[in-house]
C-alpha atoms as a PDB file:
ATOM      1  CA  UNK A   1      -9.622  -9.777 -23.932  1.00  0.00           C
ATOM      2  CA  UNK A   2     -10.342  -8.128 -20.219  1.00  0.00           C
ATOM      3  CA  UNK A   3     -10.156  -4.239 -20.078  1.00  0.00           C
ATOM      4  CA  UNK A   4      -9.940  -2.536 -16.358  1.00  0.00           C
ATOM      5  CA  UNK A   5     -11.145   0.919 -15.461  1.00  0.00           C
ATOM      6  CA  UNK A   6      -8.680   1.251 -12.458  1.00  0.00           C
ATOM      7  CA  UNK A   7     -10.638   4.556 -10.689  1.00  0.00           C
ATOM      8  CA  UNK A   8     -12.186   4.436  -7.338  1.00  0.00           C
ATOM      9  CA  UNK A   9     -14.769   6.893  -8.363  1.00  0.00           C
ATOM     10  CA  UNK A  10     -18.509   5.921  -9.626  1.00  0.00           C
ATOM     11  CA  UNK A  11     -21.715   7.835  -9.864  1.00  0.00           C
ATOM     12  CA  UNK A  12     -23.268   5.398  -7.410  1.00  0.00           C
ATOM     13  CA  UNK A  13     -21.115   6.390  -4.190  1.00  0.00           C
ATOM     14  CA  UNK A  14     -20.273  10.016  -2.812  1.00  0.00           C
ATOM     15  CA  UNK A  15     -18.582  11.374  -5.947  1.00  0.00           C
ATOM     16  CA  UNK A  16     -21.733  10.968  -7.990  1.00  0.00           C
ATOM     17  CA  UNK A  17     -20.232  11.331 -10.650  1.00  0.00           C
ATOM     18  CA  UNK A  18     -18.490   8.139 -13.076  1.00  0.00           C
ATOM     19  CA  UNK A  19     -14.671   8.243 -13.591  1.00  0.00           C
ATOM     20  CA  UNK A  20     -13.156   9.433 -16.947  1.00  0.00           C
ATOM     21  CA  UNK A  21     -11.616   5.571 -16.445  1.00  0.00           C
ATOM     22  CA  UNK A  22     -14.827   4.419 -17.409  1.00  0.00           C
ATOM     23  CA  UNK A  23     -15.577   6.308 -20.187  1.00  0.00           C
ATOM     24  CA  UNK A  24     -12.141   5.587 -21.818  1.00  0.00           C
ATOM     25  CA  UNK A  25     -12.517   1.660 -21.003  1.00  0.00           C
ATOM     26  CA  UNK A  26     -16.091   1.601 -23.046  1.00  0.00           C
ATOM     27  CA  UNK A  27     -14.746   3.723 -25.862  1.00  0.00           C
ATOM     28  CA  UNK A  28     -11.680   1.134 -25.664  1.00  0.00           C
ATOM     29  CA  UNK A  29     -13.900  -1.931 -26.132  1.00  0.00           C
ATOM     30  CA  UNK A  30     -16.346  -0.576 -29.002  1.00  0.00           C
ATOM     31  CA  UNK A  31     -13.007   0.429 -30.755  1.00  0.00           C
ATOM     32  CA  UNK A  32     -11.519  -3.341 -30.429  1.00  0.00           C
ATOM     33  CA  UNK A  33     -12.240  -5.816 -33.139  1.00  0.00           C
ATOM     34  CA  UNK A  34     -15.585  -6.568 -32.543  1.00  0.00           C
ATOM     35  CA  UNK A  35     -15.128 -10.562 -33.257  1.00  0.00           C
ATOM     36  CA  UNK A  36     -13.063 -11.110 -30.315  1.00  0.00           C
ATOM     37  CA  UNK A  37     -14.459 -11.573 -26.780  1.00  0.00           C
ATOM     38  CA  UNK A  38     -14.044  -8.504 -24.721  1.00  0.00           C
ATOM     39  CA  UNK A  39     -14.782  -8.436 -21.299  1.00  0.00           C
ATOM     40  CA  UNK A  40     -14.458  -5.187 -18.557  1.00  0.00           C
ATOM     41  CA  UNK A  41     -14.673  -4.271 -15.091  1.00  0.00           C
ATOM     42  CA  UNK A  42     -15.230  -0.862 -13.640  1.00  0.00           C
ATOM     43  CA  UNK A  43     -13.571  -1.335  -9.722  1.00  0.00           C
ATOM     44  CA  UNK A  44     -15.373   2.084  -8.681  1.00  0.00           C
ATOM     45  CA  UNK A  45     -16.320   1.924  -5.915  1.00  0.00           C
ATOM     46  CA  UNK A  46     -20.592   1.243  -5.286  1.00  0.00           C
ATOM     47  CA  UNK A  47     -21.943   2.255  -2.344  1.00  0.00           C
ATOM     48  CA  UNK A  48     -22.494  -0.991  -0.342  1.00  0.00           C
ATOM     49  CA  UNK A  49     -20.819  -3.335  -2.643  1.00  0.00           C
ATOM     50  CA  UNK A  50     -17.618  -5.056  -1.824  1.00  0.00           C
ATOM     51  CA  UNK A  51     -14.428  -3.931  -1.898  1.00  0.00           C
ATOM     52  CA  UNK A  52     -11.029  -5.628  -2.524  1.00  0.00           C
ATOM     53  CA  UNK A  53      -9.631  -6.677   0.187  1.00  0.00           C
ATOM     54  CA  UNK A  54      -6.200  -5.832   0.886  1.00  0.00           C
ATOM     55  CA  UNK A  55      -3.515  -8.142   0.809  1.00  0.00           C
ATOM     56  CA  UNK A  56      -2.172  -9.988   4.325  1.00  0.00           C
ATOM     57  CA  UNK A  57       1.096 -10.784   3.326  1.00  0.00           C
ATOM     58  CA  UNK A  58       1.102 -13.989   3.560  1.00  0.00           C
ATOM     59  CA  UNK A  59       4.019 -14.422   0.923  1.00  0.00           C
ATOM     60  CA  UNK A  60       6.460 -12.930   4.351  1.00  0.00           C
ATOM     61  CA  UNK A  61       5.680 -15.499   6.483  1.00  0.00           C
ATOM     62  CA  UNK A  62       5.830 -18.509   3.624  1.00  0.00           C
ATOM     63  CA  UNK A  63       5.584 -18.083  -0.450  1.00  0.00           C
ATOM     64  CA  UNK A  64       4.057 -21.688  -0.055  1.00  0.00           C
ATOM     65  CA  UNK A  65       0.896 -19.943   2.455  1.00  0.00           C
ATOM     66  CA  UNK A  66      -0.414 -17.576  -0.562  1.00  0.00           C
ATOM     67  CA  UNK A  67      -2.873 -19.704  -2.223  1.00  0.00           C
ATOM     68  CA  UNK A  68      -3.136 -19.575  -6.217  1.00  0.00           C
ATOM     69  CA  UNK A  69      -5.878 -18.043  -6.446  1.00  0.00           C
ATOM     70  CA  UNK A  70      -6.336 -16.194  -2.929  1.00  0.00           C
ATOM     71  CA  UNK A  71      -7.495 -18.333  -0.604  1.00  0.00           C
ATOM     72  CA  UNK A  72      -7.340 -15.270   2.274  1.00  0.00           C
ATOM     73  CA  UNK A  73     -11.019 -14.669   1.088  1.00  0.00           C
ATOM     74  CA  UNK A  74     -13.643 -16.103  -0.695  1.00  0.00           C
ATOM     75  CA  UNK A  75     -16.792 -15.330  -2.849  1.00  0.00           C
ATOM     76  CA  UNK A  76     -20.049 -14.454  -0.822  1.00  0.00           C
ATOM     77  CA  UNK A  77     -18.497 -13.932   2.543  1.00  0.00           C
ATOM     78  CA  UNK A  78     -20.672 -11.746   4.979  1.00  0.00           C
ATOM     79  CA  UNK A  79     -17.885 -11.198   7.315  1.00  0.00           C
ATOM     80  CA  UNK A  80     -14.762 -10.485   5.032  1.00  0.00           C
ATOM     81  CA  UNK A  81     -16.503  -9.313   1.240  1.00  0.00           C
ATOM     82  CA  UNK A  82     -13.918  -9.597  -1.246  1.00  0.00           C
ATOM     83  CA  UNK A  83     -15.152  -8.016  -4.670  1.00  0.00           C
ATOM     84  CA  UNK A  84     -12.000  -9.848  -6.615  1.00  0.00           C
ATOM     85  CA  UNK A  85     -13.760 -12.926  -5.642  1.00  0.00           C
ATOM     86  CA  UNK A  86     -17.349 -11.433  -5.995  1.00  0.00           C
ATOM     87  CA  UNK A  87     -16.483 -10.045  -9.472  1.00  0.00           C
ATOM     88  CA  UNK A  88     -14.266 -13.426 -10.528  1.00  0.00           C
ATOM     89  CA  UNK A  89     -11.515 -11.298 -11.142  1.00  0.00           C
ATOM     90  CA  UNK A  90      -8.610 -14.158 -10.960  1.00  0.00           C
ATOM     91  CA  UNK A  91     -10.635 -16.654 -12.969  1.00  0.00           C
ATOM     92  CA  UNK A  92     -11.452 -13.382 -15.667  1.00  0.00           C
ATOM     93  CA  UNK A  93      -7.320 -12.250 -16.111  1.00  0.00           C
ATOM     94  CA  UNK A  94      -6.581 -16.440 -16.209  1.00  0.00           C
ATOM     95  CA  UNK A  95      -9.634 -16.315 -19.229  1.00  0.00           C
ATOM     96  CA  UNK A  96      -7.819 -13.315 -21.073  1.00  0.00           C
ATOM     97  CA  UNK A  97      -4.947 -13.557 -23.432  1.00  0.00           C
ATOM     98  CA  UNK A  98      -4.021  -9.914 -22.710  1.00  0.00           C
ATOM     99  CA  UNK A  99      -5.375  -7.255 -19.955  1.00  0.00           C
ATOM    100  CA  UNK A 100      -5.523  -3.601 -20.666  1.00  0.00           C
ATOM    101  CA  UNK A 101      -5.726  -1.057 -17.277  1.00  0.00           C
ATOM    102  CA  UNK A 102      -6.716   2.518 -17.611  1.00  0.00           C
ATOM    103  CA  UNK A 103      -6.517   4.314 -14.946  1.00  0.00           C
ATOM    104  CA  UNK A 104      -5.747   8.082 -13.012  1.00  0.00           C
ATOM    105  CA  UNK A 105      -2.287   8.930 -10.860  1.00  0.00           C
ATOM    106  CA  UNK A 106      -2.878   9.441  -7.835  1.00  0.00           C
ATOM    107  CA  UNK A 107      -0.423  10.875  -5.225  1.00  0.00           C
ATOM    108  CA  UNK A 108       2.209   9.827  -7.877  1.00  0.00           C
ATOM    109  CA  UNK A 109       1.042   6.664  -8.050  1.00  0.00           C
ATOM    110  CA  UNK A 110      -1.867   4.341  -8.926  1.00  0.00           C
ATOM    111  CA  UNK A 111      -5.055   4.237  -7.593  1.00  0.00           C
ATOM    112  CA  UNK A 112      -5.962   2.781  -4.474  1.00  0.00           C
ATOM    113  CA  UNK A 113      -8.340   0.270  -5.985  1.00  0.00           C
ATOM    114  CA  UNK A 114      -5.624  -1.014  -8.688  1.00  0.00           C
ATOM    115  CA  UNK A 115      -2.901  -1.401  -5.905  1.00  0.00           C
ATOM    116  CA  UNK A 116      -5.175  -3.397  -3.940  1.00  0.00           C
ATOM    117  CA  UNK A 117      -6.035  -5.637  -7.026  1.00  0.00           C
ATOM    118  CA  UNK A 118      -2.129  -5.972  -7.993  1.00  0.00           C
ATOM    119  CA  UNK A 119      -1.217  -6.643  -4.308  1.00  0.00           C
ATOM    120  CA  UNK A 120      -3.874  -9.346  -4.234  1.00  0.00           C
ATOM    121  CA  UNK A 121      -2.091 -11.117  -7.500  1.00  0.00           C
ATOM    122  CA  UNK A 122       0.904 -11.428  -5.506  1.00  0.00           C
ATOM    123  CA  UNK A 123      -0.396 -15.192  -5.847  1.00  0.00           C
ATOM    124  CA  UNK A 124      -0.263 -15.425  -9.799  1.00  0.00           C
ATOM    125  CA  UNK A 125       3.699 -14.946  -8.850  1.00  0.00           C
ATOM    126  CA  UNK A 126       4.635 -18.590  -6.986  1.00  0.00           C
ATOM    127  CA  UNK A 127       1.500 -18.822  -5.119  1.00  0.00           C
ATOM    128  CA  UNK A 128       0.367 -22.115  -3.864  1.00  0.00           C
ATOM    129  CA  UNK A 129      -1.977 -24.079  -6.021  1.00  0.00           C
ATOM    130  CA  UNK A 130      -3.016 -26.748  -3.808  1.00  0.00           C
ATOM    131  CA  UNK A 131      -4.194 -25.748  -0.108  1.00  0.00           C
ATOM    132  CA  UNK A 132      -4.775 -28.660   0.849  1.00  0.00           C
ATOM    133  CA  UNK A 133      -0.927 -29.194   1.029  1.00  0.00           C
ATOM    134  CA  UNK A 134      -1.085 -26.481   4.030  1.00  0.00           C
ATOM    135  CA  UNK A 135      -4.792 -27.729   5.156  1.00  0.00           C
ATOM    136  CA  UNK A 136      -6.014 -24.344   4.194  1.00  0.00           C
ATOM    137  CA  UNK A 137      -4.006 -21.656   5.746  1.00  0.00           C
ATOM    138  CA  UNK A 138      -1.579 -23.449   8.413  1.00  0.00           C
ATOM    139  CA  UNK A 139       1.889 -21.099   8.857  1.00  0.00           C
ATOM    140  CA  UNK A 140       3.732 -23.701  10.090  1.00  0.00           C
ATOM    141  CA  UNK A 141       2.950 -26.781   7.662  1.00  0.00           C
ATOM    142  CA  UNK A 142       3.473 -23.653   4.304  1.00  0.00           C
ATOM    143  CA  UNK A 143       7.178 -22.986   6.051  1.00  0.00           C
ATOM    144  CA  UNK A 144       7.811 -26.441   5.862  1.00  0.00           C
ATOM    145  CA  UNK A 145       6.481 -26.802   2.541  1.00  0.00           C
ATOM    146  CA  UNK A 146       8.625 -24.506   1.337  1.00  0.00           C
ATOM    147  CA  UNK A 147      11.560 -26.065   2.207  1.00  0.00           C
ATOM    148  CA  UNK A 148      10.772 -29.257   0.648  1.00  0.00           C
ATOM    149  CA  UNK A 149      11.709 -30.198  -2.932  1.00  0.00           C
ATOM    150  CA  UNK A 150       8.080 -30.970  -3.432  1.00  0.00           C
ATOM    151  CA  UNK A 151       7.718 -27.037  -3.364  1.00  0.00           C
ATOM    152  CA  UNK A 152       9.962 -26.455  -6.269  1.00  0.00           C
ATOM    153  CA  UNK A 153       7.263 -28.306  -8.677  1.00  0.00           C
ATOM    154  CA  UNK A 154       4.397 -26.451  -7.052  1.00  0.00           C
ATOM    155  CA  UNK A 155       5.380 -22.795  -7.251  1.00  0.00           C
ATOM    156  CA  UNK A 156       4.959 -21.553 -10.843  1.00  0.00           C
ATOM    157  CA  UNK A 157       4.149 -17.824 -12.331  1.00  0.00           C
ATOM    158  CA  UNK A 158       0.189 -19.065 -12.861  1.00  0.00           C
ATOM    159  CA  UNK A 159      -0.260 -15.933 -15.474  1.00  0.00           C
ATOM    160  CA  UNK A 160       2.791 -16.031 -17.449  1.00  0.00           C
ATOM    161  CA  UNK A 161       2.869 -15.244 -21.187  1.00  0.00           C
ATOM    162  CA  UNK A 162      -0.061 -13.103 -21.013  1.00  0.00           C
ATOM    163  CA  UNK A 163       0.331  -9.320 -21.820  1.00  0.00           C
ATOM    164  CA  UNK A 164      -0.690  -6.172 -19.891  1.00  0.00           C
ATOM    165  CA  UNK A 165      -1.048  -2.995 -21.390  1.00  0.00           C
ATOM    166  CA  UNK A 166      -1.300   0.329 -19.450  1.00  0.00           C
ATOM    167  CA  UNK A 167      -2.732   4.006 -19.896  1.00  0.00           C
ATOM    168  CA  UNK A 168      -2.458   5.882 -17.261  1.00  0.00           C
ATOM    169  CA  UNK A 169      -3.449   9.980 -17.056  1.00  0.00           C
ATOM    170  CA  UNK A 170      -3.346  12.891 -14.769  1.00  0.00           C
ATOM    171  CA  UNK A 171      -4.257  16.660 -14.480  1.00  0.00           C
ATOM    172  CA  UNK A 172      -0.682  18.041 -13.633  1.00  0.00           C
ATOM    173  CA  UNK A 173      -2.212  18.947 -10.165  1.00  0.00           C
ATOM    174  CA  UNK A 174      -5.219  20.831 -11.604  1.00  0.00           C
ATOM    175  CA  UNK A 175      -5.418  24.433 -10.688  1.00  0.00           C
ATOM    176  CA  UNK A 176      -3.504  23.851  -7.227  1.00  0.00           C
ATOM    177  CA  UNK A 177      -0.205  24.607  -8.301  1.00  0.00           C
ATOM    178  CA  UNK A 178       1.506  28.007  -8.298  1.00  0.00           C
ATOM    179  CA  UNK A 179       4.012  29.589 -11.009  1.00  0.00           C
ATOM    180  CA  UNK A 180       6.645  28.106  -9.015  1.00  0.00           C
ATOM    181  CA  UNK A 181       5.133  24.777  -9.161  1.00  0.00           C
ATOM    182  CA  UNK A 182       4.176  24.553  -5.394  1.00  0.00           C
ATOM    183  CA  UNK A 183       0.881  24.132  -3.974  1.00  0.00           C
ATOM    184  CA  UNK A 184      -0.574  27.424  -3.832  1.00  0.00           C
ATOM    185  CA  UNK A 185      -2.048  26.397  -0.628  1.00  0.00           C
ATOM    186  CA  UNK A 186       1.340  26.114   1.302  1.00  0.00           C
ATOM    187  CA  UNK A 187       1.877  28.774   3.805  1.00  0.00           C
ATOM    188  CA  UNK A 188       5.384  30.764   3.063  1.00  0.00           C
ATOM    189  CA  UNK A 189       6.822  29.944   5.765  1.00  0.00           C
ATOM    190  CA  UNK A 190       6.586  25.920   4.215  1.00  0.00           C
ATOM    191  CA  UNK A 191       7.004  26.675   0.463  1.00  0.00           C
ATOM    192  CA  UNK A 192      10.686  24.689   0.899  1.00  0.00           C
ATOM    193  CA  UNK A 193       9.379  21.793   2.037  1.00  0.00           C
ATOM    194  CA  UNK A 194       8.271  21.397  -1.255  1.00  0.00           C
ATOM    195  CA  UNK A 195      11.027  21.261  -4.242  1.00  0.00           C
ATOM    196  CA  UNK A 196       9.125  20.678  -7.713  1.00  0.00           C
ATOM    197  CA  UNK A 197      12.759  20.569  -9.169  1.00  0.00           C
ATOM    198  CA  UNK A 198      12.734  16.834  -6.802  1.00  0.00           C
ATOM    199  CA  UNK A 199       9.304  15.555  -7.865  1.00  0.00           C
ATOM    200  CA  UNK A 200       9.792  11.997  -8.095  1.00  0.00           C
ATOM    201  CA  UNK A 201       9.170  11.518 -11.735  1.00  0.00           C
ATOM    202  CA  UNK A 202      10.555  12.419 -14.809  1.00  0.00           C
ATOM    203  CA  UNK A 203       8.261  10.595 -17.327  1.00  0.00           C
ATOM    204  CA  UNK A 204       5.011  10.455 -15.087  1.00  0.00           C
ATOM    205  CA  UNK A 205       3.929   6.984 -16.664  1.00  0.00           C
ATOM    206  CA  UNK A 206       6.791   5.674 -14.492  1.00  0.00           C
ATOM    207  CA  UNK A 207       4.127   6.304 -11.758  1.00  0.00           C
ATOM    208  CA  UNK A 208       2.256   3.127 -12.628  1.00  0.00           C
ATOM    209  CA  UNK A 209       6.108   1.220 -12.950  1.00  0.00           C
ATOM    210  CA  UNK A 210       4.793  -1.045  -9.534  1.00  0.00           C
ATOM    211  CA  UNK A 211       2.118  -2.314 -11.747  1.00  0.00           C
ATOM    212  CA  UNK A 212       4.348  -2.604 -14.934  1.00  0.00           C
ATOM    213  CA  UNK A 213       7.432  -4.104 -13.282  1.00  0.00           C
ATOM    214  CA  UNK A 214       4.695  -7.031 -11.095  1.00  0.00           C
ATOM    215  CA  UNK A 215       3.600  -7.911 -14.123  1.00  0.00           C
ATOM    216  CA  UNK A 216       6.807  -8.473 -15.952  1.00  0.00           C
ATOM    217  CA  UNK A 217       8.253 -10.521 -12.759  1.00  0.00           C
ATOM    218  CA  UNK A 218       5.708 -12.752 -13.172  1.00  0.00           C
ATOM    219  CA  UNK A 219       6.241 -13.616 -16.876  1.00  0.00           C
ATOM    220  CA  UNK A 220       3.411 -10.924 -17.902  1.00  0.00           C
ATOM    221  CA  UNK A 221       4.290  -9.393 -20.526  1.00  0.00           C
ATOM    222  CA  UNK A 222       4.235  -5.114 -20.864  1.00  0.00           C
ATOM    223  CA  UNK A 223       5.956  -3.867 -24.297  1.00  0.00           C
ATOM    224  CA  UNK A 224       7.148  -0.310 -23.768  1.00  0.00           C
ATOM    225  CA  UNK A 225       4.766   1.114 -26.605  1.00  0.00           C
ATOM    226  CA  UNK A 226       1.651  -0.346 -24.715  1.00  0.00           C
ATOM    227  CA  UNK A 227       2.597   2.149 -21.187  1.00  0.00           C
ATOM    228  CA  UNK A 228       1.298   5.537 -21.739  1.00  0.00           C
ATOM    229  CA  UNK A 229       0.708   8.522 -19.984  1.00  0.00           C
ATOM    230  CA  UNK A 230      -1.471  11.560 -20.787  1.00  0.00           C
ATOM    231  CA  UNK A 231      -2.062  14.631 -19.090  1.00  0.00           C
ATOM    232  CA  UNK A 232      -4.837  16.647 -19.275  1.00  0.00           C
ATOM    233  CA  UNK A 233      -6.797  19.341 -17.447  1.00  0.00           C
ATOM    234  CA  UNK A 234      -3.467  21.096 -15.964  1.00  0.00           C
ATOM    235  CA  UNK A 235      -4.928  24.681 -14.563  1.00  0.00           C
ATOM    236  CA  UNK A 236      -7.978  23.558 -14.304  1.00  0.00           C
ATOM    237  CA  UNK A 237     -10.235  23.227 -11.520  1.00  0.00           C
ATOM    238  CA  UNK A 238     -11.639  19.744 -11.513  1.00  0.00           C
ATOM    239  CA  UNK A 239     -15.069  20.150 -11.775  1.00  0.00           C
ATOM    240  CA  UNK A 240     -14.079  21.156 -15.271  1.00  0.00           C
ATOM    241  CA  UNK A 241     -12.643  17.688 -16.220  1.00  0.00           C
ATOM    242  CA  UNK A 242     -14.916  15.533 -16.375  1.00  0.00           C
ATOM    243  CA  UNK A 243     -15.495  12.521 -18.806  1.00  0.00           C
ATOM    244  CA  UNK A 244     -17.692  14.745 -20.758  1.00  0.00           C
ATOM    245  CA  UNK A 245     -15.514  16.886 -20.959  1.00  0.00           C
ATOM    246  CA  UNK A 246     -12.607  14.986 -22.326  1.00  0.00           C
ATOM    247  CA  UNK A 247     -13.478  15.843 -26.361  1.00  0.00           C
ATOM    248  CA  UNK A 248     -12.359  19.663 -25.190  1.00  0.00           C
ATOM    249  CA  UNK A 249      -9.320  18.386 -24.762  1.00  0.00           C
ATOM    250  CA  UNK A 250      -8.311  17.732 -28.391  1.00  0.00           C
ATOM    251  CA  UNK A 251      -5.115  15.314 -27.699  1.00  0.00           C
ATOM    252  CA  UNK A 252      -7.089  12.244 -25.446  1.00  0.00           C
ATOM    253  CA  UNK A 253      -9.252  10.256 -27.964  1.00  0.00           C
ATOM    254  CA  UNK A 254      -6.362  10.369 -30.272  1.00  0.00           C
ATOM    255  CA  UNK A 255      -4.144   9.031 -28.071  1.00  0.00           C
ATOM    256  CA  UNK A 256      -5.928   6.185 -26.778  1.00  0.00           C
ATOM    257  CA  UNK A 257      -7.624   5.193 -30.196  1.00  0.00           C
ATOM    258  CA  UNK A 258      -3.939   4.848 -30.908  1.00  0.00           C
ATOM    259  CA  UNK A 259      -2.877   3.288 -27.970  1.00  0.00           C
ATOM    260  CA  UNK A 260      -5.824   0.811 -28.222  1.00  0.00           C
ATOM    261  CA  UNK A 261      -4.802   0.073 -31.671  1.00  0.00           C
ATOM    262  CA  UNK A 262      -1.355  -0.739 -30.967  1.00  0.00           C
ATOM    263  CA  UNK A 263      -2.622  -2.982 -28.154  1.00  0.00           C
ATOM    264  CA  UNK A 264      -4.652  -4.332 -31.401  1.00  0.00           C
ATOM    265  CA  UNK A 265      -2.235  -5.427 -33.529  1.00  0.00           C
ATOM    266  CA  UNK A 266       0.054  -6.382 -30.550  1.00  0.00           C
ATOM    267  CA  UNK A 267      -2.223  -9.061 -29.719  1.00  0.00           C
ATOM    268  CA  UNK A 268      -3.407 -10.291 -32.913  1.00  0.00           C
ATOM    269  CA  UNK A 269       0.457 -10.706 -34.099  1.00  0.00           C
ATOM    270  CA  UNK A 270       1.225 -12.618 -30.882  1.00  0.00           C
ATOM    271  CA  UNK A 271      -2.196 -14.717 -30.808  1.00  0.00           C
ATOM    272  CA  UNK A 272      -3.657 -17.297 -28.329  1.00  0.00           C
ATOM    273  CA  UNK A 273      -1.657 -17.849 -25.010  1.00  0.00           C
ATOM    274  CA  UNK A 274      -1.893 -21.425 -23.810  1.00  0.00           C
ATOM    275  CA  UNK A 275      -3.188 -21.738 -20.676  1.00  0.00           C
ATOM    276  CA  UNK A 276      -0.903 -22.497 -17.496  1.00  0.00           C
ATOM    277  CA  UNK A 277      -0.986 -25.626 -15.841  1.00  0.00           C
ATOM    278  CA  UNK A 278      -2.952 -24.716 -12.651  1.00  0.00           C
ATOM    279  CA  UNK A 279      -6.287 -22.610 -13.637  1.00  0.00           C
ATOM    280  CA  UNK A 280      -8.174 -19.801 -11.621  1.00  0.00           C
ATOM    281  CA  UNK A 281     -10.836 -20.167 -14.511  1.00  0.00           C
ATOM    282  CA  UNK A 282     -13.265 -23.218 -13.617  1.00  0.00           C
ATOM    283  CA  UNK A 283     -11.405 -23.476 -10.126  1.00  0.00           C
ATOM    284  CA  UNK A 284     -13.575 -24.215  -7.041  1.00  0.00           C
ATOM    285  CA  UNK A 285     -12.310 -23.681  -3.783  1.00  0.00           C
ATOM    286  CA  UNK A 286     -12.589 -26.651  -1.823  1.00  0.00           C
ATOM    287  CA  UNK A 287     -14.320 -26.452   1.923  1.00  0.00           C
ATOM    288  CA  UNK A 288     -12.263 -25.953   5.187  1.00  0.00           C
ATOM    289  CA  UNK A 289     -14.284 -26.007   8.126  1.00  0.00           C
ATOM    290  CA  UNK A 290     -12.163 -28.881   9.862  1.00  0.00           C
ATOM    291  CA  UNK A 291      -8.951 -26.862   8.820  1.00  0.00           C
ATOM    292  CA  UNK A 292     -10.469 -23.754  10.261  1.00  0.00           C
ATOM    293  CA  UNK A 293     -11.138 -25.189  13.278  1.00  0.00           C
ATOM    294  CA  UNK A 294      -7.842 -26.138  13.859  1.00  0.00           C
ATOM    295  CA  UNK A 295      -6.160 -22.869  13.132  1.00  0.00           C
ATOM    296  CA  UNK A 296      -8.911 -21.594  15.304  1.00  0.00           C
ATOM    297  CA  UNK A 297      -7.534 -23.425  18.517  1.00  0.00           C
ATOM    298  CA  UNK A 298      -3.931 -22.350  17.287  1.00  0.00           C
ATOM    299  CA  UNK A 299      -5.898 -18.524  17.313  1.00  0.00           C
ATOM    300  CA  UNK A 300      -6.542 -18.991  21.160  1.00  0.00           C
ATOM    301  CA  UNK A 301      -3.446 -20.616  22.110  1.00  0.00           C
ATOM    302  CA  UNK A 302      -1.923 -17.516  20.902  1.00  0.00           C
ATOM    303  CA  UNK A 303      -4.276 -15.075  22.731  1.00  0.00           C
ATOM    304  CA  UNK A 304      -3.211 -17.221  25.873  1.00  0.00           C
ATOM    305  CA  UNK A 305       0.287 -16.773  25.742  1.00  0.00           C
ATOM    306  CA  UNK A 306       0.986 -20.911  24.280  1.00  0.00           C
ATOM    307  CA  UNK A 307       1.725 -20.493  20.937  1.00  0.00           C
ATOM    308  CA  UNK A 308       2.634 -23.871  19.152  1.00  0.00           C
ATOM    309  CA  UNK A 309       6.125 -25.052  20.430  1.00  0.00           C
ATOM    310  CA  UNK A 310       9.495 -24.056  18.186  1.00  0.00           C
ATOM    311  CA  UNK A 311       6.868 -22.004  15.554  1.00  0.00           C
ATOM    312  CA  UNK A 312       7.716 -18.438  14.641  1.00  0.00           C
ATOM    313  CA  UNK A 313       5.143 -16.570  17.422  1.00  0.00           C
ATOM    314  CA  UNK A 314       6.870 -18.825  19.843  1.00  0.00           C
ATOM    315  CA  UNK A 315      10.412 -17.764  18.957  1.00  0.00           C
ATOM    316  CA  UNK A 316       9.282 -14.095  18.976  1.00  0.00           C
ATOM    317  CA  UNK A 317       7.282 -14.001  21.987  1.00  0.00           C
ATOM    318  CA  UNK A 318      10.249 -15.911  23.717  1.00  0.00           C
ATOM    319  CA  UNK A 319      12.800 -12.891  22.343  1.00  0.00           C
ATOM    320  CA  UNK A 320      10.096 -10.185  23.683  1.00  0.00           C
ATOM    321  CA  UNK A 321       9.894  -9.200  20.064  1.00  0.00           C
ATOM    322  CA  UNK A 322       6.024  -9.403  19.073  1.00  0.00           C
ATOM    323  CA  UNK A 323       4.488  -8.361  22.493  1.00  0.00           C
ATOM    324  CA  UNK A 324       1.063  -9.215  20.988  1.00  0.00           C
ATOM    325  CA  UNK A 325      -0.215 -11.984  23.578  1.00  0.00           C
ATOM    326  CA  UNK A 326      -3.473 -10.463  23.772  1.00  0.00           C
ATOM    327  CA  UNK A 327      -7.337 -11.826  24.608  1.00  0.00           C
ATOM    328  CA  UNK A 328      -8.514  -8.978  22.611  1.00  0.00           C
ATOM    329  CA  UNK A 329      -6.618  -8.611  19.367  1.00  0.00           C
ATOM    330  CA  UNK A 330      -8.696  -6.307  17.325  1.00  0.00           C
ATOM    331  CA  UNK A 331      -8.139  -3.377  20.297  1.00  0.00           C
ATOM    332  CA  UNK A 332      -5.798  -1.119  18.741  1.00  0.00           C
ATOM    333  CA  UNK A 333      -2.153  -0.866  19.916  1.00  0.00           C
ATOM    334  CA  UNK A 334      -3.138   3.069  20.857  1.00  0.00           C
ATOM    335  CA  UNK A 335      -5.914   2.123  23.128  1.00  0.00           C
ATOM    336  CA  UNK A 336      -3.679  -0.430  24.868  1.00  0.00           C
ATOM    337  CA  UNK A 337      -0.789   2.302  25.541  1.00  0.00           C
ATOM    338  CA  UNK A 338      -3.539   4.511  27.364  1.00  0.00           C
ATOM    339  CA  UNK A 339      -5.379   1.188  29.251  1.00  0.00           C
ATOM    340  CA  UNK A 340      -1.028   0.503  30.395  1.00  0.00           C
ATOM    341  CA  UNK A 341      -0.706   4.209  31.452  1.00  0.00           C
END
């Protein structure tokens, strides 16, 4: 079992306090059958530690460019350190029969770190299991491969068959709302900007729907009974709603425990999940220095306005769609606008 605490908060960064998700994760781990192999991880931001890097959206260029497990980043990289690789998250998800994700609702959705993690799991849904077929990260080779018959046998759901459970929680806005359900800080002239009758969810568990349906899309089972939302701390200041206050909210521990027990019964009845064809567990990415040299030359050509013939960048440049010929790609568009003026 792999349990994930999805809050961004850790006491070893500027919040200075550990999250409720961490406390709930540990309680769940203690309650599950102890003969099981129980793994868990806290995704909270620790000062000086790598973060989960964002998805680069390789899929939108070609599904075959999205490698399983993700090769946009790598373990112990100094230039773009990535927590997904540094903590072996892909291997641990692959190794587990079931996942349990616990996290708060932030702005009508899951936390930044959970969204980042699941964005980076796009590769589990049909990603390329053999990066040598695209010479590590060659867009033109990937686009060609995606159109081939060979690709159909490679593009699989790599974590299909597993179970995922979600326990999300919120505070209903704490003490920020007035008697009409509007934010107290809104000026009277702007109260009509926020209509509480039109807030997006009737059931706040739906704030985690993107993660749930991403799992289901890739063949990871999420039973309705294992997708739950609990609210506590409404009308309280945030500083009065910490992990040490959980026991004061009479419903939270019983609901977590009941959810944990349902999870345990479901996973026990389902049994061991057979590994899929292409494993993240035990995978060692191949070296790619020579491929990097080729891709660096591709990059240089684009900077000087001479992309590969018939490539998508060449077509976009000819049609004046991208306006992206630049020797300084790190320079912001706003900065370039100001220079041009």
